Amino acid sequence: MTLVPKDAKELKIENSTVNFYEFIQNGSKTYYFDSSECVPPEPMINAMLGLQLLKHKDDTLIMINHTAPNGLFPKIQSNYNFEILNIDNGKVEVTFHYKLGTAVSTDFADNTCG
């Protein structure tokens, strides 16, 4: 499980319902948020907002959630790779990376769970 360093910078993300953090991990910019205490559709909304932060090839977004956000994956799979790791208390850590060489086709306004 990724731990947020004490020197992580808190970001103000408009319309998010959780805190986002930015820090350097393994030499790359990493963004982090924990939506594990949120109820739908908040995790989807926060994930869509967080994915828009990924601007460079090595940028990473880490999401902590109460379950894998399976409704999110089909919406983003053309532009983002993701890995799921089961962590403590039945939660999951999802790590996202932008797929290089793809034109952004993700509809970030499509942030509903259905």
PDB file of N, CA and C in Angstrom:
ATOM      1  N   MET A   1       0.842  -1.186   0.000  1.00  0.00           N
ATOM      2  CA  MET A   1       0.000   0.000   0.000  1.00  0.00           C
ATOM      3  C   MET A   1       0.880   1.240   0.000  1.00  0.00           C
ATOM      4  N   THR A   2       0.513   2.194  -0.803  1.00  0.00           N
ATOM      5  CA  THR A   2       1.257   3.439  -0.900  1.00  0.00           C
ATOM      6  C   THR A   2       0.945   4.321   0.300  1.00  0.00           C
ATOM      7  N   LEU A   3       1.976   4.807   0.939  1.00  0.00           N
ATOM      8  CA  LEU A   3       1.809   5.748   2.038  1.00  0.00           C
ATOM      9  C   LEU A   3       2.104   7.145   1.530  1.00  0.00           C
ATOM     10  N   VAL A   4       1.274   8.079   1.906  1.00  0.00           N
ATOM     11  CA  VAL A   4       1.472   9.464   1.483  1.00  0.00           C
ATOM     12  C   VAL A   4       2.550  10.077   2.364  1.00  0.00           C
ATOM     13  N   PRO A   5       3.632  10.577   1.747  1.00  0.00           N
ATOM     14  CA  PRO A   5       4.707  11.199   2.540  1.00  0.00           C
ATOM     15  C   PRO A   5       4.213  12.446   3.280  1.00  0.00           C
ATOM     16  N   LYS A   6       4.859  12.743   4.386  1.00  0.00           N
ATOM     17  CA  LYS A   6       4.478  13.916   5.185  1.00  0.00           C
ATOM     18  C   LYS A   6       4.640  15.214   4.408  1.00  0.00           C
ATOM     19  N   ASP A   7       5.550  15.237   3.438  1.00  0.00           N
ATOM     20  CA  ASP A   7       5.769  16.460   2.677  1.00  0.00           C
ATOM     21  C   ASP A   7       4.912  16.535   1.406  1.00  0.00           C
ATOM     22  N   ALA A   8       3.930  15.629   1.271  1.00  0.00           N
ATOM     23  CA  ALA A   8       3.046  15.659   0.107  1.00  0.00           C
ATOM     24  C   ALA A   8       2.275  16.971   0.089  1.00  0.00           C
ATOM     25  N   LYS A   9       2.051  17.459  -1.101  1.00  0.00           N
ATOM     26  CA  LYS A   9       1.323  18.713  -1.293  1.00  0.00           C
ATOM     27  C   LYS A   9      -0.158  18.393  -1.486  1.00  0.00           C
ATOM     28  N   GLU A  10      -1.011  19.012  -0.675  1.00  0.00           N
ATOM     29  CA  GLU A  10      -2.445  18.825  -0.852  1.00  0.00           C
ATOM     30  C   GLU A  10      -2.918  19.696  -2.010  1.00  0.00           C
ATOM     31  N   LEU A  11      -3.707  19.111  -2.900  1.00  0.00           N
ATOM     32  CA  LEU A  11      -4.227  19.823  -4.065  1.00  0.00           C
ATOM     33  C   LEU A  11      -5.695  20.154  -3.856  1.00  0.00           C
ATOM     34  N   LYS A  12      -6.095  21.275  -4.356  1.00  0.00           N
ATOM     35  CA  LYS A  12      -7.508  21.656  -4.360  1.00  0.00           C
ATOM     36  C   LYS A  12      -8.057  21.326  -5.739  1.00  0.00           C
ATOM     37  N   ILE A  13      -8.894  20.314  -5.805  1.00  0.00           N
ATOM     38  CA  ILE A  13      -9.479  19.882  -7.070  1.00  0.00           C
ATOM     39  C   ILE A  13     -10.965  20.231  -7.045  1.00  0.00           C
ATOM     40  N   GLU A  14     -11.370  21.111  -7.939  1.00  0.00           N
ATOM     41  CA  GLU A  14     -12.758  21.539  -7.983  1.00  0.00           C
ATOM     42  C   GLU A  14     -13.685  20.348  -8.214  1.00  0.00           C
ATOM     43  N   ASN A  15     -14.760  20.267  -7.438  1.00  0.00           N
ATOM     44  CA  ASN A  15     -15.791  19.234  -7.501  1.00  0.00           C
ATOM     45  C   ASN A  15     -15.386  17.888  -6.903  1.00  0.00           C
ATOM     46  N   SER A  16     -14.183  17.776  -6.352  1.00  0.00           N
ATOM     47  CA  SER A  16     -13.813  16.517  -5.704  1.00  0.00           C
ATOM     48  C   SER A  16     -14.453  16.462  -4.320  1.00  0.00           C
ATOM     49  N   THR A  17     -14.660  15.244  -3.837  1.00  0.00           N
ATOM     50  CA  THR A  17     -15.258  15.066  -2.523  1.00  0.00           C
ATOM     51  C   THR A  17     -14.256  14.505  -1.521  1.00  0.00           C
ATOM     52  N   VAL A  18     -13.005  14.378  -1.944  1.00  0.00           N
ATOM     53  CA  VAL A  18     -11.924  13.889  -1.085  1.00  0.00           C
ATOM     54  C   VAL A  18     -10.697  14.765  -1.287  1.00  0.00           C
ATOM     55  N   ASN A  19      -9.719  14.601  -0.430  1.00  0.00           N
ATOM     56  CA  ASN A  19      -8.456  15.317  -0.587  1.00  0.00           C
ATOM     57  C   ASN A  19      -7.576  14.590  -1.596  1.00  0.00           C
ATOM     58  N   PHE A  20      -6.921  15.357  -2.436  1.00  0.00           N
ATOM     59  CA  PHE A  20      -5.931  14.835  -3.375  1.00  0.00           C
ATOM     60  C   PHE A  20      -4.557  15.301  -2.908  1.00  0.00           C
ATOM     61  N   TYR A  21      -3.549  14.474  -3.146  1.00  0.00           N
ATOM     62  CA  TYR A  21      -2.182  14.804  -2.764  1.00  0.00           C
ATOM     63  C   TYR A  21      -1.255  14.561  -3.945  1.00  0.00           C
ATOM     64  N   GLU A  22      -0.189  15.343  -3.989  1.00  0.00           N
ATOM     65  CA  GLU A  22       0.835  15.221  -5.024  1.00  0.00           C
ATOM     66  C   GLU A  22       2.184  15.045  -4.330  1.00  0.00           C
ATOM     67  N   PHE A  23       2.974  14.080  -4.820  1.00  0.00           N
ATOM     68  CA  PHE A  23       4.308  13.871  -4.283  1.00  0.00           C
ATOM     69  C   PHE A  23       5.152  13.143  -5.322  1.00  0.00           C
ATOM     70  N   ILE A  24       6.426  13.101  -5.080  1.00  0.00           N
ATOM     71  CA  ILE A  24       7.352  12.399  -5.974  1.00  0.00           C
ATOM     72  C   ILE A  24       7.614  11.010  -5.391  1.00  0.00           C
ATOM     73  N   GLN A  25       7.423   9.990  -6.219  1.00  0.00           N
ATOM     74  CA  GLN A  25       7.674   8.610  -5.827  1.00  0.00           C
ATOM     75  C   GLN A  25       8.470   7.944  -6.938  1.00  0.00           C
ATOM     76  N   ASN A  26       9.600   7.381  -6.587  1.00  0.00           N
ATOM     77  CA  ASN A  26      10.472   6.738  -7.577  1.00  0.00           C
ATOM     78  C   ASN A  26      10.828   7.692  -8.723  1.00  0.00           C
ATOM     79  N   GLY A  27      11.000   8.957  -8.406  1.00  0.00           N
ATOM     80  CA  GLY A  27      11.407   9.945  -9.392  1.00  0.00           C
ATOM     81  C   GLY A  27      10.284  10.480 -10.274  1.00  0.00           C
ATOM     82  N   SER A  28       9.063  10.057 -10.040  1.00  0.00           N
ATOM     83  CA  SER A  28       7.939  10.490 -10.877  1.00  0.00           C
ATOM     84  C   SER A  28       6.860  11.157 -10.037  1.00  0.00           C
ATOM     85  N   LYS A  29       6.089  12.025 -10.682  1.00  0.00           N
ATOM     86  CA  LYS A  29       4.996  12.714 -10.008  1.00  0.00           C
ATOM     87  C   LYS A  29       3.863  11.717  -9.756  1.00  0.00           C
ATOM     88  N   THR A  30       3.412  11.678  -8.522  1.00  0.00           N
ATOM     89  CA  THR A  30       2.344  10.764  -8.128  1.00  0.00           C
ATOM     90  C   THR A  30       1.216  11.565  -7.495  1.00  0.00           C
ATOM     91  N   TYR A  31       0.000  11.232  -7.883  1.00  0.00           N
ATOM     92  CA  TYR A  31      -1.202  11.820  -7.312  1.00  0.00           C
ATOM     93  C   TYR A  31      -1.933  10.717  -6.558  1.00  0.00           C
ATOM     94  N   TYR A  32      -2.562  11.072  -5.442  1.00  0.00           N
ATOM     95  CA  TYR A  32      -3.164  10.081  -4.567  1.00  0.00           C
ATOM     96  C   TYR A  32      -4.477  10.607  -4.009  1.00  0.00           C
ATOM     97  N   PHE A  33      -5.464   9.717  -3.901  1.00  0.00           N
ATOM     98  CA  PHE A  33      -6.689  10.044  -3.191  1.00  0.00           C
ATOM     99  C   PHE A  33      -7.299   8.762  -2.627  1.00  0.00           C
ATOM    100  N   ASP A  34      -8.063   8.930  -1.566  1.00  0.00           N
ATOM    101  CA  ASP A  34      -8.703   7.798  -0.889  1.00  0.00           C
ATOM    102  C   ASP A  34     -10.204   8.022  -0.905  1.00  0.00           C
ATOM    103  N   SER A  35     -10.907   7.217  -1.683  1.00  0.00           N
ATOM    104  CA  SER A  35     -12.365   7.330  -1.768  1.00  0.00           C
ATOM    105  C   SER A  35     -13.051   6.143  -1.090  1.00  0.00           C
ATOM    106  N   SER A  36     -12.323   5.440  -0.246  1.00  0.00           N
ATOM    107  CA  SER A  36     -12.855   4.217   0.363  1.00  0.00           C
ATOM    108  C   SER A  36     -14.027   4.466   1.312  1.00  0.00           C
ATOM    109  N   GLU A  37     -14.182   5.669   1.782  1.00  0.00           N
ATOM    110  CA  GLU A  37     -15.296   5.992   2.677  1.00  0.00           C
ATOM    111  C   GLU A  37     -16.439   6.679   1.934  1.00  0.00           C
ATOM    112  N   CYS A  38     -16.300   6.838   0.637  1.00  0.00           N
ATOM    113  CA  CYS A  38     -17.313   7.515  -0.175  1.00  0.00           C
ATOM    114  C   CYS A  38     -18.379   6.530  -0.650  1.00  0.00           C
ATOM    115  N   VAL A  39     -19.509   7.079  -1.045  1.00  0.00           N
ATOM    116  CA  VAL A  39     -20.577   6.264  -1.632  1.00  0.00           C
ATOM    117  C   VAL A  39     -20.723   6.667  -3.101  1.00  0.00           C
ATOM    118  N   PRO A  40     -21.196   5.724  -3.945  1.00  0.00           N
ATOM    119  CA  PRO A  40     -21.376   6.049  -5.364  1.00  0.00           C
ATOM    120  C   PRO A  40     -22.297   7.249  -5.524  1.00  0.00           C
ATOM    121  N   PRO A  41     -22.014   8.101  -6.459  1.00  0.00           N
ATOM    122  CA  PRO A  41     -21.014   8.021  -7.526  1.00  0.00           C
ATOM    123  C   PRO A  41     -19.695   8.727  -7.203  1.00  0.00           C
ATOM    124  N   GLU A  42     -19.459   9.088  -5.933  1.00  0.00           N
ATOM    125  CA  GLU A  42     -18.277   9.875  -5.580  1.00  0.00           C
ATOM    126  C   GLU A  42     -16.951   9.244  -6.028  1.00  0.00           C
ATOM    127  N   PRO A  43     -16.719   7.939  -5.842  1.00  0.00           N
ATOM    128  CA  PRO A  43     -15.432   7.390  -6.298  1.00  0.00           C
ATOM    129  C   PRO A  43     -15.205   7.591  -7.798  1.00  0.00           C
ATOM    130  N   MET A  44     -16.268   7.408  -8.592  1.00  0.00           N
ATOM    131  CA  MET A  44     -16.158   7.597 -10.043  1.00  0.00           C
ATOM    132  C   MET A  44     -15.849   9.059 -10.365  1.00  0.00           C
ATOM    133  N   ILE A  45     -16.544   9.968  -9.730  1.00  0.00           N
ATOM    134  CA  ILE A  45     -16.310  11.396  -9.964  1.00  0.00           C
ATOM    135  C   ILE A  45     -14.876  11.763  -9.605  1.00  0.00           C
ATOM    136  N   ASN A  46     -14.427  11.326  -8.444  1.00  0.00           N
ATOM    137  CA  ASN A  46     -13.064  11.646  -8.014  1.00  0.00           C
ATOM    138  C   ASN A  46     -12.018  11.019  -8.929  1.00  0.00           C
ATOM    139  N   ALA A  47     -12.251   9.789  -9.373  1.00  0.00           N
ATOM    140  CA  ALA A  47     -11.300   9.138 -10.284  1.00  0.00           C
ATOM    141  C   ALA A  47     -11.201   9.906 -11.601  1.00  0.00           C
ATOM    142  N   MET A  48     -12.336  10.325 -12.144  1.00  0.00           N
ATOM    143  CA  MET A  48     -12.316  11.085 -13.406  1.00  0.00           C
ATOM    144  C   MET A  48     -11.572  12.407 -13.237  1.00  0.00           C
ATOM    145  N   LEU A  49     -11.746  13.047 -12.096  1.00  0.00           N
ATOM    146  CA  LEU A  49     -11.013  14.290 -11.830  1.00  0.00           C
ATOM    147  C   LEU A  49      -9.519  14.009 -11.698  1.00  0.00           C
ATOM    148  N   GLY A  50      -9.172  12.952 -11.002  1.00  0.00           N
ATOM    149  CA  GLY A  50      -7.765  12.603 -10.811  1.00  0.00           C
ATOM    150  C   GLY A  50      -7.071  12.209 -12.099  1.00  0.00           C
ATOM    151  N   LEU A  51      -7.748  11.487 -12.964  1.00  0.00           N
ATOM    152  CA  LEU A  51      -7.131  11.073 -14.228  1.00  0.00           C
ATOM    153  C   LEU A  51      -6.734  12.272 -15.083  1.00  0.00           C
ATOM    154  N   GLN A  52      -7.453  13.356 -14.957  1.00  0.00           N
ATOM    155  CA  GLN A  52      -7.125  14.552 -15.730  1.00  0.00           C
ATOM    156  C   GLN A  52      -5.838  15.211 -15.267  1.00  0.00           C
ATOM    157  N   LEU A  53      -5.318  14.811 -14.112  1.00  0.00           N
ATOM    158  CA  LEU A  53      -4.043  15.347 -13.617  1.00  0.00           C
ATOM    159  C   LEU A  53      -2.846  14.727 -14.324  1.00  0.00           C
ATOM    160  N   LEU A  54      -3.024  13.550 -14.917  1.00  0.00           N
ATOM    161  CA  LEU A  54      -1.907  12.852 -15.554  1.00  0.00           C
ATOM    162  C   LEU A  54      -1.547  13.530 -16.868  1.00  0.00           C
ATOM    163  N   LYS A  55      -0.412  14.211 -16.870  1.00  0.00           N
ATOM    164  CA  LYS A  55      -0.007  15.004 -18.041  1.00  0.00           C
ATOM    165  C   LYS A  55       1.271  14.490 -18.709  1.00  0.00           C
ATOM    166  N   HIS A  56       2.080  13.713 -17.975  1.00  0.00           N
ATOM    167  CA  HIS A  56       3.372  13.259 -18.480  1.00  0.00           C
ATOM    168  C   HIS A  56       3.454  11.740 -18.435  1.00  0.00           C
ATOM    169  N   LYS A  57       4.327  11.173 -19.219  1.00  0.00           N
ATOM    170  CA  LYS A  57       4.389   9.716 -19.388  1.00  0.00           C
ATOM    171  C   LYS A  57       4.626   8.953 -18.091  1.00  0.00           C
ATOM    172  N   ASP A  58       5.317   9.531 -17.143  1.00  0.00           N
ATOM    173  CA  ASP A  58       5.619   8.815 -15.907  1.00  0.00           C
ATOM    174  C   ASP A  58       4.701   9.182 -14.746  1.00  0.00           C
ATOM    175  N   ASP A  59       3.733  10.058 -14.963  1.00  0.00           N
ATOM    176  CA  ASP A  59       2.805  10.436 -13.904  1.00  0.00           C
ATOM    177  C   ASP A  59       1.965   9.229 -13.494  1.00  0.00           C
ATOM    178  N   THR A  60       1.622   9.173 -12.215  1.00  0.00           N
ATOM    179  CA  THR A  60       0.845   8.067 -11.665  1.00  0.00           C
ATOM    180  C   THR A  60      -0.300   8.626 -10.826  1.00  0.00           C
ATOM    181  N   LEU A  61      -1.449   7.964 -10.899  1.00  0.00           N
ATOM    182  CA  LEU A  61      -2.575   8.265 -10.024  1.00  0.00           C
ATOM    183  C   LEU A  61      -2.864   7.022  -9.207  1.00  0.00           C
ATOM    184  N   ILE A  62      -2.950   7.192  -7.899  1.00  0.00           N
ATOM    185  CA  ILE A  62      -3.271   6.079  -7.004  1.00  0.00           C
ATOM    186  C   ILE A  62      -4.595   6.368  -6.323  1.00  0.00           C
ATOM    187  N   MET A  63      -5.491   5.413  -6.447  1.00  0.00           N
ATOM    188  CA  MET A  63      -6.824   5.501  -5.842  1.00  0.00           C
ATOM    189  C   MET A  63      -6.962   4.397  -4.813  1.00  0.00           C
ATOM    190  N   ILE A  64      -7.381   4.746  -3.613  1.00  0.00           N
ATOM    191  CA  ILE A  64      -7.755   3.753  -2.614  1.00  0.00           C
ATOM    192  C   ILE A  64      -9.274   3.728  -2.594  1.00  0.00           C
ATOM    193  N   ASN A  65      -9.856   2.538  -2.675  1.00  0.00           N
ATOM    194  CA  ASN A  65     -11.311   2.442  -2.707  1.00  0.00           C
ATOM    195  C   ASN A  65     -11.763   1.200  -1.944  1.00  0.00           C
ATOM    196  N   HIS A  66     -13.037   1.151  -1.626  1.00  0.00           N
ATOM    197  CA  HIS A  66     -13.584   0.012  -0.893  1.00  0.00           C
ATOM    198  C   HIS A  66     -13.717  -1.220  -1.769  1.00  0.00           C
ATOM    199  N   THR A  67     -13.725  -1.048  -3.075  1.00  0.00           N
ATOM    200  CA  THR A  67     -13.802  -2.139  -4.036  1.00  0.00           C
ATOM    201  C   THR A  67     -13.238  -1.668  -5.365  1.00  0.00           C
ATOM    202  N   ALA A  68     -12.924  -2.601  -6.250  1.00  0.00           N
ATOM    203  CA  ALA A  68     -12.441  -2.209  -7.579  1.00  0.00           C
ATOM    204  C   ALA A  68     -13.558  -1.453  -8.300  1.00  0.00           C
ATOM    205  N   PRO A  69     -13.252  -0.291  -8.882  1.00  0.00           N
ATOM    206  CA  PRO A  69     -14.280   0.498  -9.560  1.00  0.00           C
ATOM    207  C   PRO A  69     -14.535  -0.031 -10.974  1.00  0.00           C
ATOM    208  N   ASN A  70     -15.170  -1.196 -11.059  1.00  0.00           N
ATOM    209  CA  ASN A  70     -15.346  -1.882 -12.339  1.00  0.00           C
ATOM    210  C   ASN A  70     -16.148  -1.087 -13.351  1.00  0.00           C
ATOM    211  N   GLY A  71     -17.027  -0.210 -12.903  1.00  0.00           N
ATOM    212  CA  GLY A  71     -17.771   0.639 -13.840  1.00  0.00           C
ATOM    213  C   GLY A  71     -16.899   1.690 -14.495  1.00  0.00           C
ATOM    214  N   LEU A  72     -15.786   2.012 -13.865  1.00  0.00           N
ATOM    215  CA  LEU A  72     -14.857   3.013 -14.399  1.00  0.00           C
ATOM    216  C   LEU A  72     -14.011   2.465 -15.540  1.00  0.00           C
ATOM    217  N   PHE A  73     -13.581   1.233 -15.426  1.00  0.00           N
ATOM    218  CA  PHE A  73     -12.583   0.689 -16.348  1.00  0.00           C
ATOM    219  C   PHE A  73     -12.983   0.741 -17.819  1.00  0.00           C
ATOM    220  N   PRO A  74     -14.208   0.353 -18.201  1.00  0.00           N
ATOM    221  CA  PRO A  74     -14.562   0.446 -19.630  1.00  0.00           C
ATOM    222  C   PRO A  74     -14.548   1.874 -20.160  1.00  0.00           C
ATOM    223  N   LYS A  75     -14.798   2.846 -19.295  1.00  0.00           N
ATOM    224  CA  LYS A  75     -14.845   4.249 -19.710  1.00  0.00           C
ATOM    225  C   LYS A  75     -13.460   4.824 -20.006  1.00  0.00           C
ATOM    226  N   ILE A  76     -12.422   4.218 -19.417  1.00  0.00           N
ATOM    227  CA  ILE A  76     -11.083   4.802 -19.530  1.00  0.00           C
ATOM    228  C   ILE A  76     -10.057   3.910 -20.214  1.00  0.00           C
ATOM    229  N   GLN A  77     -10.415   2.662 -20.516  1.00  0.00           N
ATOM    230  CA  GLN A  77      -9.432   1.678 -20.966  1.00  0.00           C
ATOM    231  C   GLN A  77      -8.720   2.032 -22.269  1.00  0.00           C
ATOM    232  N   SER A  78      -9.293   2.887 -23.080  1.00  0.00           N
ATOM    233  CA  SER A  78      -8.606   3.257 -24.321  1.00  0.00           C
ATOM    234  C   SER A  78      -7.443   4.212 -24.060  1.00  0.00           C
ATOM    235  N   ASN A  79      -7.467   4.926 -22.945  1.00  0.00           N
ATOM    236  CA  ASN A  79      -6.420   5.910 -22.650  1.00  0.00           C
ATOM    237  C   ASN A  79      -5.571   5.615 -21.425  1.00  0.00           C
ATOM    238  N   TYR A  80      -6.013   4.706 -20.567  1.00  0.00           N
ATOM    239  CA  TYR A  80      -5.294   4.489 -19.310  1.00  0.00           C
ATOM    240  C   TYR A  80      -5.084   3.007 -19.019  1.00  0.00           C
ATOM    241  N   ASN A  81      -3.896   2.688 -18.528  1.00  0.00           N
ATOM    242  CA  ASN A  81      -3.620   1.373 -17.968  1.00  0.00           C
ATOM    243  C   ASN A  81      -3.902   1.449 -16.482  1.00  0.00           C
ATOM    244  N   PHE A  82      -4.269   0.336 -15.883  1.00  0.00           N
ATOM    245  CA  PHE A  82      -4.526   0.315 -14.449  1.00  0.00           C
ATOM    246  C   PHE A  82      -4.165  -1.053 -13.878  1.00  0.00           C
ATOM    247  N   GLU A  83      -3.739  -1.026 -12.640  1.00  0.00           N
ATOM    248  CA  GLU A  83      -3.407  -2.239 -11.899  1.00  0.00           C
ATOM    249  C   GLU A  83      -4.171  -2.195 -10.588  1.00  0.00           C
ATOM    250  N   ILE A  84      -4.680  -3.345 -10.163  1.00  0.00           N
ATOM    251  CA  ILE A  84      -5.450  -3.433  -8.929  1.00  0.00           C
ATOM    252  C   ILE A  84      -4.679  -4.280  -7.928  1.00  0.00           C
ATOM    253  N   LEU A  85      -4.561  -3.772  -6.714  1.00  0.00           N
ATOM    254  CA  LEU A  85      -3.885  -4.484  -5.638  1.00  0.00           C
ATOM    255  C   LEU A  85      -4.830  -4.536  -4.435  1.00  0.00           C
ATOM    256  N   ASN A  86      -5.088  -5.742  -3.938  1.00  0.00           N
ATOM    257  CA  ASN A  86      -5.888  -5.878  -2.716  1.00  0.00           C
ATOM    258  C   ASN A  86      -5.024  -5.489  -1.532  1.00  0.00           C
ATOM    259  N   ILE A  87      -5.578  -4.622  -0.664  1.00  0.00           N
ATOM    260  CA  ILE A  87      -4.818  -4.147   0.488  1.00  0.00           C
ATOM    261  C   ILE A  87      -5.608  -4.399   1.766  1.00  0.00           C
ATOM    262  N   ASP A  88      -5.184  -3.808   2.850  1.00  0.00           N
ATOM    263  CA  ASP A  88      -5.781  -4.016   4.166  1.00  0.00           C
ATOM    264  C   ASP A  88      -7.274  -3.727   4.207  1.00  0.00           C
ATOM    265  N   ASN A  89      -7.954  -4.428   5.108  1.00  0.00           N
ATOM    266  CA  ASN A  89      -9.371  -4.194   5.405  1.00  0.00           C
ATOM    267  C   ASN A  89     -10.282  -4.390   4.204  1.00  0.00           C
ATOM    268  N   GLY A  90      -9.880  -5.229   3.242  1.00  0.00           N
ATOM    269  CA  GLY A  90     -10.713  -5.502   2.081  1.00  0.00           C
ATOM    270  C   GLY A  90     -10.738  -4.405   1.038  1.00  0.00           C
ATOM    271  N   LYS A  91      -9.918  -3.386   1.207  1.00  0.00           N
ATOM    272  CA  LYS A  91      -9.861  -2.274   0.252  1.00  0.00           C
ATOM    273  C   LYS A  91      -8.951  -2.635  -0.923  1.00  0.00           C
ATOM    274  N   VAL A  92      -9.001  -1.807  -1.945  1.00  0.00           N
ATOM    275  CA  VAL A  92      -8.135  -1.977  -3.103  1.00  0.00           C
ATOM    276  C   VAL A  92      -7.357  -0.697  -3.376  1.00  0.00           C
ATOM    277  N   GLU A  93      -6.176  -0.871  -3.938  1.00  0.00           N
ATOM    278  CA  GLU A  93      -5.371   0.242  -4.428  1.00  0.00           C
ATOM    279  C   GLU A  93      -5.322   0.087  -5.937  1.00  0.00           C
ATOM    280  N   VAL A  94      -5.789   1.098  -6.648  1.00  0.00           N
ATOM    281  CA  VAL A  94      -5.767   1.082  -8.115  1.00  0.00           C
ATOM    282  C   VAL A  94      -4.755   2.125  -8.568  1.00  0.00           C
ATOM    283  N   THR A  95      -3.799   1.682  -9.377  1.00  0.00           N
ATOM    284  CA  THR A  95      -2.765   2.571  -9.907  1.00  0.00           C
ATOM    285  C   THR A  95      -3.021   2.775 -11.391  1.00  0.00           C
ATOM    286  N   PHE A  96      -3.092   4.028 -11.800  1.00  0.00           N
ATOM    287  CA  PHE A  96      -3.389   4.392 -13.187  1.00  0.00           C
ATOM    288  C   PHE A  96      -2.175   5.060 -13.835  1.00  0.00           C
ATOM    289  N   HIS A  97      -1.984   4.774 -15.128  1.00  0.00           N
ATOM    290  CA  HIS A  97      -0.990   5.447 -15.961  1.00  0.00           C
ATOM    291  C   HIS A  97      -1.643   5.761 -17.305  1.00  0.00           C
ATOM    292  N   TYR A  98      -1.279   6.901 -17.872  1.00  0.00           N
ATOM    293  CA  TYR A  98      -1.767   7.264 -19.199  1.00  0.00           C
ATOM    294  C   TYR A  98      -1.074   6.391 -20.236  1.00  0.00           C
ATOM    295  N   LYS A  99      -1.824   5.878 -21.208  1.00  0.00           N
ATOM    296  CA  LYS A  99      -1.247   5.081 -22.289  1.00  0.00           C
ATOM    297  C   LYS A  99      -0.593   6.032 -23.291  1.00  0.00           C
ATOM    298  N   LEU A 100       0.685   5.890 -23.460  1.00  0.00           N
ATOM    299  CA  LEU A 100       1.410   6.754 -24.388  1.00  0.00           C
ATOM    300  C   LEU A 100       0.935   6.527 -25.818  1.00  0.00           C
ATOM    301  N   GLY A 101       0.925   7.593 -26.588  1.00  0.00           N
ATOM    302  CA  GLY A 101       0.589   7.498 -27.999  1.00  0.00           C
ATOM    303  C   GLY A 101      -0.899   7.408 -28.287  1.00  0.00           C
ATOM    304  N   THR A 102      -1.742   7.608 -27.297  1.00  0.00           N
ATOM    305  CA  THR A 102      -3.180   7.583 -27.544  1.00  0.00           C
ATOM    306  C   THR A 102      -3.727   9.001 -27.506  1.00  0.00           C
ATOM    307  N   ALA A 103      -4.676   9.258 -28.376  1.00  0.00           N
ATOM    308  CA  ALA A 103      -5.362  10.545 -28.346  1.00  0.00           C
ATOM    309  C   ALA A 103      -6.429  10.455 -27.255  1.00  0.00           C
ATOM    310  N   VAL A 104      -6.541  11.480 -26.466  1.00  0.00           N
ATOM    311  CA  VAL A 104      -7.494  11.446 -25.364  1.00  0.00           C
ATOM    312  C   VAL A 104      -8.911  11.314 -25.913  1.00  0.00           C
ATOM    313  N   SER A 105      -9.542  10.203 -25.583  1.00  0.00           N
ATOM    314  CA  SER A 105     -10.917   9.970 -26.010  1.00  0.00           C
ATOM    315  C   SER A 105     -11.836   9.719 -24.813  1.00  0.00           C
ATOM    316  N   THR A 106     -11.290   9.729 -23.625  1.00  0.00           N
ATOM    317  CA  THR A 106     -12.080   9.518 -22.431  1.00  0.00           C
ATOM    318  C   THR A 106     -13.024  10.699 -22.225  1.00  0.00           C
ATOM    319  N   ASP A 107     -14.294  10.382 -22.011  1.00  0.00           N
ATOM    320  CA  ASP A 107     -15.299  11.407 -21.728  1.00  0.00           C
ATOM    321  C   ASP A 107     -15.333  11.622 -20.217  1.00  0.00           C
ATOM    322  N   PHE A 108     -14.642  12.642 -19.743  1.00  0.00           N
ATOM    323  CA  PHE A 108     -14.538  12.879 -18.312  1.00  0.00           C
ATOM    324  C   PHE A 108     -15.859  13.328 -17.688  1.00  0.00           C
ATOM    325  N   ALA A 109     -16.800  13.773 -18.500  1.00  0.00           N
ATOM    326  CA  ALA A 109     -18.104  14.159 -17.980  1.00  0.00           C
ATOM    327  C   ALA A 109     -18.971  12.923 -17.695  1.00  0.00           C
ATOM    328  N   ASP A 110     -18.600  11.774 -18.268  1.00  0.00           N
ATOM    329  CA  ASP A 110     -19.340  10.526 -18.060  1.00  0.00           C
ATOM    330  C   ASP A 110     -18.845   9.895 -16.776  1.00  0.00           C
ATOM    331  N   ASN A 111     -19.308  10.413 -15.659  1.00  0.00           N
ATOM    332  CA  ASN A 111     -18.802   9.946 -14.371  1.00  0.00           C
ATOM    333  C   ASN A 111     -19.904   9.323 -13.515  1.00  0.00           C
ATOM    334  N   THR A 112     -20.859   8.674 -14.182  1.00  0.00           N
ATOM    335  CA  THR A 112     -21.894   7.961 -13.455  1.00  0.00           C
ATOM    336  C   THR A 112     -21.530   6.490 -13.370  1.00  0.00           C
ATOM    337  N   CYS A 113     -22.104   5.813 -12.423  1.00  0.00           N
ATOM    338  CA  CYS A 113     -21.764   4.414 -12.180  1.00  0.00           C
ATOM    339  C   CYS A 113     -22.554   3.459 -13.063  1.00  0.00           C
ATOM    340  N   GLY A 114     -23.656   3.899 -13.612  1.00  0.00           N
ATOM    341  CA  GLY A 114     -24.536   3.012 -14.376  1.00  0.00           C
ATOM    342  C   GLY A 114     -24.069   2.756 -15.770  1.00  0.00           C
TER     343      GLY A 114
END
